[in-house]
Structure formats: C-alpha cells, structure tokens
Amino acid sequence: MGNVRFDGLSFLKKFEGKRIMFVGDSLTFDQWQSITCMLHAAVPQAEYNIVKVNDGRVSSFIFQEYNVSLMFNRNTFLVDIVSEKIGTILKLDSIKGGKLWEGMDIWDFIEEGGKLYKDKNRLVAFQKGLTTWGKWVDSKVDPNKTKIYYTSTSPEHSSGAAWNKPNETCYHQKEPLKGSPTTYPGGPDPTEIIVKTVLQKMSTPVTLLDITRLSQQRIDGHPSTYGSYRKKGIDCSHWCLAGVPDTWNQLLYATL
C-alpha cells in the first residue's frame, strides 16, 4: 500500500457511475473537501456540479463526464438526535436517519432502551452508538454492492500535555512531532479498542481507515487562529487544506 500514489484520473475512471458518500461531522467534511479538491486538481478541465439534495442534508460534488458523485451527509453521532418537549435527545439505539445512506450537535438528554439519562460516560455512549450503527449496517447494507469504510478518530491538539509540553497548544507550531507515530507521548486514543471490537463483531466487512496515529504527530496541521473558527478561539481540532486530510485520502485511495 505504501507504494500506491493518488491518481485522480484513475480514481474517476475506476468509479465511473458510482456514488461515494462521506458521513460524519465537520472533520469528515474536511476529508470530503480534500478529496474533491484532489480530484479537481487532477482533471481541472472536467465539468462539475455542486448540488444539495434531501432538503439540503446531503451535499454532492458531481464530475459530470465520469458520472461520479462524492457526497457528504453531516451526521455527527451516526445515531439519531431528536427534539422533544423536554429538550434535545441523543438516541443511542435509534438510527432512522440512516435512510439517507441507503443505496450508496448538542443534546440535553441521552436515551437508551426507552430510558432517559441526563448524561452518560462518553466512551460507554460511543460504544453503544457505534454498536447501533454496526447493527444497521449488517441489516441494511449488501456487501456485494456497497463497500463500507470507517475512519478512526481524528485527534485534536489543544493541550500540549499530550506531548509532554503542558503550556503549548497547536498555536504557532511549525513542525510535526519527532519520532514514530507508535510512540506518541499521549498514548493511543481511548476509542481505538472500542472501534476495533465493534467492527470485529460485525458480519458485514468494514475497512478501518486508521488515521489516528499518523495525525497525532501533526501538531502543526491545524488552522489555529487563521481558520473559519477563529472567532471561537484557537482551532486545534480541524485541519488546514491542503494538509493532513489529503494524507487520509491517499490511504483511502490505496485501499480501494
């Protein structure tokens, strides 16, 4: 896989007539923007359209000559979020919103098994929500027609304590951390084991796009005070484009 380099024209020819959907939060949006830019750079003369469908819930970048659609559905938690009289509820065992995916964020309460909780251990909630998503995939997706990828957690660098420099953030960082990604001072992301366990229990094959360790090294790759979120402070969560998400898409291309 390490010798495979991104070839945008080859990508478009290979997936002619196909639809590729990215589902997730604003970090997934970074990845979607990245791959559309990489493909456009490869075929700058190709005509394209950008449209919104499903009442604006899905954005689609279409390369018309190749009939390839790269779609983005913003869905932060994968499971359902609904508004009711008592407030906004995150439903860990409901995924009705998944209808948008067939054929291709803030809450007040958490609901599981018909019971409401004001809060819940976030890793436990993550595991239960991901398990619900896994069951949905197993029941709705035909692996002979659709290939599923799961992108691991994108790290943030708002506290230098993770790399043994507690007074630092991503602000003014100009170089990646030195050393191997396997020796990141902050250790592995706590979601890693959960993700691998859930995916192993699924009957539908899911390819894990493991971007966490390599991204942990890139303390220099964030917008910091220069991005669209600068009014909210230093942005050490999202990524500059071109930048780290391009590497994620290089890995995606190598596994397709």
C-alpha atoms as a PDB file:
ATOM      1  CA  MET A   1       0.000   0.000   0.000  1.00  0.00           C
ATOM      2  CA  GLY A   2       2.920   2.341   0.724  1.00  0.00           C
ATOM      3  CA  ASN A   3       3.932   2.429  -2.987  1.00  0.00           C
ATOM      4  CA  VAL A   4       0.485   3.429  -4.271  1.00  0.00           C
ATOM      5  CA  ARG A   5       0.221   7.110  -5.169  1.00  0.00           C
ATOM      6  CA  PHE A   6      -3.011   9.016  -5.668  1.00  0.00           C
ATOM      7  CA  ASP A   7      -4.098   9.193  -9.313  1.00  0.00           C
ATOM      8  CA  GLY A   8      -7.212  11.320  -9.654  1.00  0.00           C
ATOM      9  CA  LEU A   9      -7.949  10.390 -13.267  1.00  0.00           C
ATOM     10  CA  SER A  10      -7.611   6.685 -12.482  1.00  0.00           C
ATOM     11  CA  PHE A  11      -9.934   7.175  -9.498  1.00  0.00           C
ATOM     12  CA  LEU A  12     -12.645   8.774 -11.637  1.00  0.00           C
ATOM     13  CA  LYS A  13     -12.391   6.119 -14.346  1.00  0.00           C
ATOM     14  CA  LYS A  14     -12.491   3.301 -11.808  1.00  0.00           C
ATOM     15  CA  PHE A  15     -15.600   4.652 -10.098  1.00  0.00           C
ATOM     16  CA  GLU A  16     -17.442   5.866 -13.183  1.00  0.00           C
ATOM     17  CA  GLY A  17     -21.176   5.836 -12.491  1.00  0.00           C
ATOM     18  CA  LYS A  18     -20.663   5.358  -8.745  1.00  0.00           C
ATOM     19  CA  ARG A  19     -21.725   7.333  -5.677  1.00  0.00           C
ATOM     20  CA  ILE A  20     -19.357   7.703  -2.737  1.00  0.00           C
ATOM     21  CA  MET A  21     -20.794   9.109   0.484  1.00  0.00           C
ATOM     22  CA  PHE A  22     -18.902  10.560   3.451  1.00  0.00           C
ATOM     23  CA  VAL A  23     -20.988  10.539   6.638  1.00  0.00           C
ATOM     24  CA  GLY A  24     -19.855  12.358   9.765  1.00  0.00           C
ATOM     25  CA  ASP A  25     -19.069  15.672  11.422  1.00  0.00           C
ATOM     26  CA  SER A  26     -17.079  18.757  10.380  1.00  0.00           C
ATOM     27  CA  LEU A  27     -13.858  16.708  10.356  1.00  0.00           C
ATOM     28  CA  THR A  28     -15.419  14.342   7.826  1.00  0.00           C
ATOM     29  CA  PHE A  29     -16.363  17.481   5.902  1.00  0.00           C
ATOM     30  CA  ASP A  30     -12.636  18.334   5.856  1.00  0.00           C
ATOM     31  CA  GLN A  31     -11.934  14.946   4.275  1.00  0.00           C
ATOM     32  CA  TRP A  32     -14.748  15.347   1.731  1.00  0.00           C
ATOM     33  CA  GLN A  33     -13.476  18.802   0.729  1.00  0.00           C
ATOM     34  CA  SER A  34      -9.962  17.405   0.481  1.00  0.00           C
ATOM     35  CA  ILE A  35     -10.806  14.606  -1.942  1.00  0.00           C
ATOM     36  CA  THR A  36     -12.951  16.824  -4.176  1.00  0.00           C
ATOM     37  CA  CYS A  37     -10.047  19.295  -4.412  1.00  0.00           C
ATOM     38  CA  MET A  38      -7.548  16.490  -5.133  1.00  0.00           C
ATOM     39  CA  LEU A  39      -9.738  15.139  -7.930  1.00  0.00           C
ATOM     40  CA  HIS A  40     -10.411  18.577  -9.401  1.00  0.00           C
ATOM     41  CA  ALA A  41      -6.652  19.272  -9.400  1.00  0.00           C
ATOM     42  CA  ALA A  42      -6.128  16.038 -11.348  1.00  0.00           C
ATOM     43  CA  VAL A  43      -8.713  16.924 -14.033  1.00  0.00           C
ATOM     44  CA  PRO A  44      -9.017  20.744 -13.870  1.00  0.00           C
ATOM     45  CA  GLN A  45     -10.874  20.954 -17.197  1.00  0.00           C
ATOM     46  CA  ALA A  46     -13.574  18.475 -16.191  1.00  0.00           C
ATOM     47  CA  GLU A  47     -17.035  19.944 -15.709  1.00  0.00           C
ATOM     48  CA  TYR A  48     -18.633  19.512 -12.308  1.00  0.00           C
ATOM     49  CA  ASN A  49     -21.742  20.465 -10.370  1.00  0.00           C
ATOM     50  CA  ILE A  50     -22.216  21.018  -6.649  1.00  0.00           C
ATOM     51  CA  VAL A  51     -25.782  20.331  -5.562  1.00  0.00           C
ATOM     52  CA  LYS A  52     -27.689  19.788  -2.339  1.00  0.00           C
ATOM     53  CA  VAL A  53     -30.335  17.072  -2.097  1.00  0.00           C
ATOM     54  CA  ASN A  54     -32.618  15.589   0.566  1.00  0.00           C
ATOM     55  CA  ASP A  55     -33.686  19.036   1.779  1.00  0.00           C
ATOM     56  CA  GLY A  56     -30.082  20.208   1.934  1.00  0.00           C
ATOM     57  CA  ARG A  57     -28.927  17.390   4.202  1.00  0.00           C
ATOM     58  CA  VAL A  58     -26.629  15.929   1.554  1.00  0.00           C
ATOM     59  CA  SER A  59     -24.091  17.894  -0.496  1.00  0.00           C
ATOM     60  CA  SER A  60     -22.972  16.276  -3.738  1.00  0.00           C
ATOM     61  CA  PHE A  61     -19.925  17.138  -5.879  1.00  0.00           C
ATOM     62  CA  ILE A  62     -20.552  15.557  -9.292  1.00  0.00           C
ATOM     63  CA  PHE A  63     -17.942  15.064 -12.012  1.00  0.00           C
ATOM     64  CA  GLN A  64     -20.351  15.025 -14.951  1.00  0.00           C
ATOM     65  CA  GLU A  65     -18.071  13.455 -17.579  1.00  0.00           C
ATOM     66  CA  TYR A  66     -17.471  10.433 -15.356  1.00  0.00           C
ATOM     67  CA  ASN A  67     -20.834  10.454 -13.553  1.00  0.00           C
ATOM     68  CA  VAL A  68     -19.018  10.171 -10.226  1.00  0.00           C
ATOM     69  CA  SER A  69     -20.754  11.694  -7.192  1.00  0.00           C
ATOM     70  CA  LEU A  70     -18.858  12.484  -3.999  1.00  0.00           C
ATOM     71  CA  MET A  71     -21.496  13.088  -1.344  1.00  0.00           C
ATOM     72  CA  PHE A  72     -21.378  14.432   2.196  1.00  0.00           C
ATOM     73  CA  ASN A  73     -24.049  13.872   4.849  1.00  0.00           C
ATOM     74  CA  ARG A  74     -23.415  15.769   8.066  1.00  0.00           C
ATOM     75  CA  ASN A  75     -24.322  13.373  10.879  1.00  0.00           C
ATOM     76  CA  THR A  76     -22.202  13.969  13.958  1.00  0.00           C
ATOM     77  CA  PHE A  77     -23.194  10.939  16.026  1.00  0.00           C
ATOM     78  CA  LEU A  78     -24.439   8.454  13.365  1.00  0.00           C
ATOM     79  CA  VAL A  79     -27.379   7.615  15.657  1.00  0.00           C
ATOM     80  CA  ASP A  80     -30.494   9.823  15.869  1.00  0.00           C
ATOM     81  CA  ILE A  81     -30.855  13.208  17.536  1.00  0.00           C
ATOM     82  CA  VAL A  82     -34.451  14.356  18.011  1.00  0.00           C
ATOM     83  CA  SER A  83     -36.108  17.420  19.504  1.00  0.00           C
ATOM     84  CA  GLU A  84     -38.893  16.783  22.000  1.00  0.00           C
ATOM     85  CA  LYS A  85     -40.670  18.915  24.600  1.00  0.00           C
ATOM     86  CA  ILE A  86     -38.137  18.112  27.329  1.00  0.00           C
ATOM     87  CA  GLY A  87     -35.179  19.023  25.113  1.00  0.00           C
ATOM     88  CA  THR A  88     -32.818  17.540  22.551  1.00  0.00           C
ATOM     89  CA  ILE A  89     -32.294  13.777  22.891  1.00  0.00           C
ATOM     90  CA  LEU A  90     -29.408  11.670  21.614  1.00  0.00           C
ATOM     91  CA  LYS A  91     -30.881   8.201  20.922  1.00  0.00           C
ATOM     92  CA  LEU A  92     -28.145   5.592  21.261  1.00  0.00           C
ATOM     93  CA  ASP A  93     -30.321   2.739  19.994  1.00  0.00           C
ATOM     94  CA  SER A  94     -32.067   4.505  17.094  1.00  0.00           C
ATOM     95  CA  ILE A  95     -30.755   5.170  13.595  1.00  0.00           C
ATOM     96  CA  LYS A  96     -33.753   6.181  11.491  1.00  0.00           C
ATOM     97  CA  GLY A  97     -31.623   8.887   9.870  1.00  0.00           C
ATOM     98  CA  GLY A  98     -29.701   6.118   8.130  1.00  0.00           C
ATOM     99  CA  LYS A  99     -32.294   6.059   5.345  1.00  0.00           C
ATOM    100  CA  LEU A 100     -30.201   8.778   3.665  1.00  0.00           C
ATOM    101  CA  TRP A 101     -27.274   6.360   3.388  1.00  0.00           C
ATOM    102  CA  GLU A 102     -29.140   3.501   1.730  1.00  0.00           C
ATOM    103  CA  GLY A 103     -28.092   2.972  -1.889  1.00  0.00           C
ATOM    104  CA  MET A 104     -24.607   4.230  -1.640  1.00  0.00           C
ATOM    105  CA  ASP A 105     -24.757  18.512  17.927  1.00  0.00           C
ATOM    106  CA  ILE A 106     -25.562  19.047  21.107  1.00  0.00           C
ATOM    107  CA  TRP A 107     -28.044  17.226  23.314  1.00  0.00           C
ATOM    108  CA  ASP A 108     -29.878  17.672  26.618  1.00  0.00           C
ATOM    109  CA  PHE A 109     -30.638  14.002  27.323  1.00  0.00           C
ATOM    110  CA  ILE A 110     -29.395  10.581  26.230  1.00  0.00           C
ATOM    111  CA  GLU A 111     -31.919   7.810  25.579  1.00  0.00           C
ATOM    112  CA  GLU A 112     -31.181   4.100  25.627  1.00  0.00           C
ATOM    113  CA  GLY A 113     -33.706   1.295  25.839  1.00  0.00           C
ATOM    114  CA  GLY A 114     -36.524   3.770  26.435  1.00  0.00           C
ATOM    115  CA  LYS A 115     -34.793   5.320  29.476  1.00  0.00           C
ATOM    116  CA  LEU A 116     -33.561   8.916  29.620  1.00  0.00           C
ATOM    117  CA  TYR A 117     -30.225   9.925  31.136  1.00  0.00           C
ATOM    118  CA  LYS A 118     -29.044  13.463  31.777  1.00  0.00           C
ATOM    119  CA  ASP A 119     -25.540  12.333  30.891  1.00  0.00           C
ATOM    120  CA  LYS A 120     -23.532   9.158  30.393  1.00  0.00           C
ATOM    121  CA  ASN A 121     -19.888   8.119  30.283  1.00  0.00           C
ATOM    122  CA  ARG A 122     -18.851   9.303  26.834  1.00  0.00           C
ATOM    123  CA  LEU A 123     -16.853   6.187  25.947  1.00  0.00           C
ATOM    124  CA  VAL A 124     -19.767   3.961  27.006  1.00  0.00           C
ATOM    125  CA  ALA A 125     -22.148   6.090  24.933  1.00  0.00           C
ATOM    126  CA  PHE A 126     -19.736   5.947  21.992  1.00  0.00           C
ATOM    127  CA  GLN A 127     -19.571   2.156  22.185  1.00  0.00           C
ATOM    128  CA  LYS A 128     -23.359   1.798  22.330  1.00  0.00           C
ATOM    129  CA  GLY A 129     -23.936   4.257  19.488  1.00  0.00           C
ATOM    130  CA  LEU A 130     -21.313   2.591  17.301  1.00  0.00           C
ATOM    131  CA  THR A 131     -22.841  -0.817  18.031  1.00  0.00           C
ATOM    132  CA  THR A 132     -26.225   0.509  16.863  1.00  0.00           C
ATOM    133  CA  TRP A 133     -24.581   1.730  13.658  1.00  0.00           C
ATOM    134  CA  GLY A 134     -22.940  -1.690  13.193  1.00  0.00           C
ATOM    135  CA  LYS A 135     -26.286  -3.458  13.518  1.00  0.00           C
ATOM    136  CA  TRP A 136     -27.796  -1.051  10.990  1.00  0.00           C
ATOM    137  CA  VAL A 137     -25.002  -1.808   8.503  1.00  0.00           C
ATOM    138  CA  ASP A 138     -25.422  -5.565   8.999  1.00  0.00           C
ATOM    139  CA  SER A 139     -29.167  -5.363   8.350  1.00  0.00           C
ATOM    140  CA  LYS A 140     -29.262  -2.787   5.541  1.00  0.00           C
ATOM    141  CA  VAL A 141     -26.044  -2.978   3.503  1.00  0.00           C
ATOM    142  CA  ASP A 142     -25.372  -5.519   0.767  1.00  0.00           C
ATOM    143  CA  PRO A 143     -21.568  -6.008   0.800  1.00  0.00           C
ATOM    144  CA  ASN A 144     -21.741  -7.246  -2.792  1.00  0.00           C
ATOM    145  CA  LYS A 145     -22.907  -3.789  -3.870  1.00  0.00           C
ATOM    146  CA  THR A 146     -21.508  -1.412  -1.243  1.00  0.00           C
ATOM    147  CA  LYS A 147     -18.099  -1.098   0.377  1.00  0.00           C
ATOM    148  CA  ILE A 148     -18.010   0.382   3.892  1.00  0.00           C
ATOM    149  CA  TYR A 149     -15.119   2.300   5.432  1.00  0.00           C
ATOM    150  CA  TYR A 150     -14.859   3.572   8.990  1.00  0.00           C
ATOM    151  CA  THR A 151     -12.386   6.386   9.660  1.00  0.00           C
ATOM    152  CA  SER A 152     -10.808   6.268  13.109  1.00  0.00           C
ATOM    153  CA  THR A 153     -10.778   9.236  15.487  1.00  0.00           C
ATOM    154  CA  SER A 154      -9.144  12.447  14.326  1.00  0.00           C
ATOM    155  CA  PRO A 155      -7.012  13.807  17.201  1.00  0.00           C
ATOM    156  CA  GLU A 156      -7.021  17.366  18.483  1.00  0.00           C
ATOM    157  CA  HIS A 157      -4.048  19.254  19.918  1.00  0.00           C
ATOM    158  CA  SER A 158      -5.496  21.822  22.315  1.00  0.00           C
ATOM    159  CA  SER A 159      -3.335  20.664  25.233  1.00  0.00           C
ATOM    160  CA  GLY A 160       0.399  20.129  24.975  1.00  0.00           C
ATOM    161  CA  ALA A 161       0.217  17.786  27.947  1.00  0.00           C
ATOM    162  CA  ALA A 162      -0.331  15.042  25.355  1.00  0.00           C
ATOM    163  CA  TRP A 163       3.220  15.593  24.048  1.00  0.00           C
ATOM    164  CA  ASN A 164       4.793  16.472  27.424  1.00  0.00           C
ATOM    165  CA  LYS A 165       4.621  20.253  26.940  1.00  0.00           C
ATOM    166  CA  PRO A 166       1.578  21.293  29.003  1.00  0.00           C
ATOM    167  CA  ASN A 167       1.922  25.018  28.254  1.00  0.00           C
ATOM    168  CA  GLU A 168       1.632  24.550  24.489  1.00  0.00           C
ATOM    169  CA  THR A 169      -1.247  24.120  22.028  1.00  0.00           C
ATOM    170  CA  CYS A 170      -1.269  23.865  18.237  1.00  0.00           C
ATOM    171  CA  TYR A 171      -0.721  27.646  18.136  1.00  0.00           C
ATOM    172  CA  HIS A 172       2.498  28.636  16.319  1.00  0.00           C
ATOM    173  CA  GLN A 173       3.518  25.012  15.762  1.00  0.00           C
ATOM    174  CA  LYS A 174       5.609  24.747  12.601  1.00  0.00           C
ATOM    175  CA  GLU A 175       6.768  21.121  12.578  1.00  0.00           C
ATOM    176  CA  PRO A 176       5.281  17.702  13.329  1.00  0.00           C
ATOM    177  CA  LEU A 177       6.294  15.878  16.470  1.00  0.00           C
ATOM    178  CA  LYS A 178       9.512  13.936  16.112  1.00  0.00           C
ATOM    179  CA  GLY A 179       9.590  10.175  16.478  1.00  0.00           C
ATOM    180  CA  SER A 180       7.435   7.260  15.427  1.00  0.00           C
ATOM    181  CA  PRO A 181       3.610   7.524  15.474  1.00  0.00           C
ATOM    182  CA  THR A 182       3.628   4.375  17.611  1.00  0.00           C
ATOM    183  CA  THR A 183       5.382   6.285  20.401  1.00  0.00           C
ATOM    184  CA  TYR A 184       3.032   9.285  20.686  1.00  0.00           C
ATOM    185  CA  PRO A 185       3.580  10.577  24.253  1.00  0.00           C
ATOM    186  CA  GLY A 186      -0.148  10.872  24.915  1.00  0.00           C
ATOM    187  CA  GLY A 187      -0.652   7.191  24.160  1.00  0.00           C
ATOM    188  CA  PRO A 188      -3.340   5.579  21.991  1.00  0.00           C
ATOM    189  CA  ASP A 189      -6.747   7.182  21.600  1.00  0.00           C
ATOM    190  CA  PRO A 190      -9.235   5.553  24.030  1.00  0.00           C
ATOM    191  CA  THR A 191     -11.711   4.931  21.198  1.00  0.00           C
ATOM    192  CA  GLU A 192      -9.317   2.657  19.286  1.00  0.00           C
ATOM    193  CA  ILE A 193     -10.131  -0.549  21.160  1.00  0.00           C
ATOM    194  CA  ILE A 194     -13.873   0.190  21.055  1.00  0.00           C
ATOM    195  CA  VAL A 195     -13.853   0.686  17.285  1.00  0.00           C
ATOM    196  CA  LYS A 196     -11.858  -2.470  16.579  1.00  0.00           C
ATOM    197  CA  THR A 197     -14.050  -4.547  18.914  1.00  0.00           C
ATOM    198  CA  VAL A 198     -17.311  -3.363  17.331  1.00  0.00           C
ATOM    199  CA  LEU A 199     -16.041  -3.854  13.772  1.00  0.00           C
ATOM    200  CA  GLN A 200     -14.801  -7.373  14.551  1.00  0.00           C
ATOM    201  CA  LYS A 201     -18.257  -8.380  15.792  1.00  0.00           C
ATOM    202  CA  MET A 202     -19.997  -7.217  12.619  1.00  0.00           C
ATOM    203  CA  SER A 203     -20.957  -9.693   9.917  1.00  0.00           C
ATOM    204  CA  THR A 204     -20.528  -7.092   7.159  1.00  0.00           C
ATOM    205  CA  PRO A 205     -16.893  -6.420   6.194  1.00  0.00           C
ATOM    206  CA  VAL A 206     -15.832  -2.901   7.185  1.00  0.00           C
ATOM    207  CA  THR A 207     -12.420  -1.478   6.312  1.00  0.00           C
ATOM    208  CA  LEU A 208     -10.899   0.575   9.120  1.00  0.00           C
ATOM    209  CA  LEU A 209      -9.148   3.657   7.757  1.00  0.00           C
ATOM    210  CA  ASP A 210      -6.785   4.140  10.679  1.00  0.00           C
ATOM    211  CA  ILE A 211      -5.693   7.789  10.564  1.00  0.00           C
ATOM    212  CA  THR A 212      -5.334   8.418  14.304  1.00  0.00           C
ATOM    213  CA  ARG A 213      -1.672   7.669  14.979  1.00  0.00           C
ATOM    214  CA  LEU A 214      -0.264   9.473  11.942  1.00  0.00           C
ATOM    215  CA  SER A 215      -2.475  12.506  12.655  1.00  0.00           C
ATOM    216  CA  GLN A 216      -1.399  12.648  16.300  1.00  0.00           C
ATOM    217  CA  GLN A 217       2.067  13.675  15.127  1.00  0.00           C
ATOM    218  CA  ARG A 218       0.737  16.660  13.160  1.00  0.00           C
ATOM    219  CA  ILE A 219       0.505  19.302  15.859  1.00  0.00           C
ATOM    220  CA  ASP A 220       1.408  21.773  13.102  1.00  0.00           C
ATOM    221  CA  GLY A 221      -1.507  20.924  10.807  1.00  0.00           C
ATOM    222  CA  HIS A 222      -4.404  22.871  12.372  1.00  0.00           C
ATOM    223  CA  PRO A 223      -5.867  26.271  11.368  1.00  0.00           C
ATOM    224  CA  SER A 224      -5.070  27.640  14.851  1.00  0.00           C
ATOM    225  CA  THR A 225      -6.110  31.323  14.787  1.00  0.00           C
ATOM    226  CA  TYR A 226      -6.344  31.521  10.999  1.00  0.00           C
ATOM    227  CA  GLY A 227      -9.339  29.340  10.173  1.00  0.00           C
ATOM    228  CA  SER A 228     -13.073  29.926   9.934  1.00  0.00           C
ATOM    229  CA  TYR A 229     -13.478  29.041  13.640  1.00  0.00           C
ATOM    230  CA  ARG A 230     -11.006  31.714  14.838  1.00  0.00           C
ATOM    231  CA  LYS A 231     -13.739  33.798  16.481  1.00  0.00           C
ATOM    232  CA  LYS A 232     -14.256  30.918  18.915  1.00  0.00           C
ATOM    233  CA  GLY A 233     -10.557  30.847  19.825  1.00  0.00           C
ATOM    234  CA  ILE A 234      -7.690  28.674  18.694  1.00  0.00           C
ATOM    235  CA  ASP A 235      -8.875  25.828  16.453  1.00  0.00           C
ATOM    236  CA  CYS A 236      -6.746  22.770  17.208  1.00  0.00           C
ATOM    237  CA  SER A 237      -9.365  20.255  16.020  1.00  0.00           C
ATOM    238  CA  HIS A 238      -9.947  20.922  12.331  1.00  0.00           C
ATOM    239  CA  TRP A 239      -7.224  20.673   9.692  1.00  0.00           C
ATOM    240  CA  CYS A 240      -5.749  23.008   7.096  1.00  0.00           C
ATOM    241  CA  LEU A 241      -6.438  22.212   3.442  1.00  0.00           C
ATOM    242  CA  ALA A 242      -4.347  21.207   1.642  1.00  0.00           C
ATOM    243  CA  GLY A 243      -2.964  19.203   4.551  1.00  0.00           C
ATOM    244  CA  VAL A 244      -3.484  16.184   6.769  1.00  0.00           C
ATOM    245  CA  PRO A 245      -6.868  15.091   5.266  1.00  0.00           C
ATOM    246  CA  ASP A 246      -5.080  14.725   1.914  1.00  0.00           C
ATOM    247  CA  THR A 247      -2.979  12.003   3.540  1.00  0.00           C
ATOM    248  CA  TRP A 248      -6.160  10.298   4.774  1.00  0.00           C
ATOM    249  CA  ASN A 249      -7.412  10.251   1.192  1.00  0.00           C
ATOM    250  CA  GLN A 250      -4.096   8.880  -0.059  1.00  0.00           C
ATOM    251  CA  LEU A 251      -4.664   5.964   2.329  1.00  0.00           C
ATOM    252  CA  LEU A 252      -8.288   5.620   1.213  1.00  0.00           C
ATOM    253  CA  TYR A 253      -7.228   5.512  -2.438  1.00  0.00           C
ATOM    254  CA  ALA A 254      -4.603   2.848  -1.695  1.00  0.00           C
ATOM    255  CA  THR A 255      -7.220   0.552  -0.141  1.00  0.00           C
ATOM    256  CA  LEU A 256      -9.985   0.959  -2.735  1.00  0.00           C
END
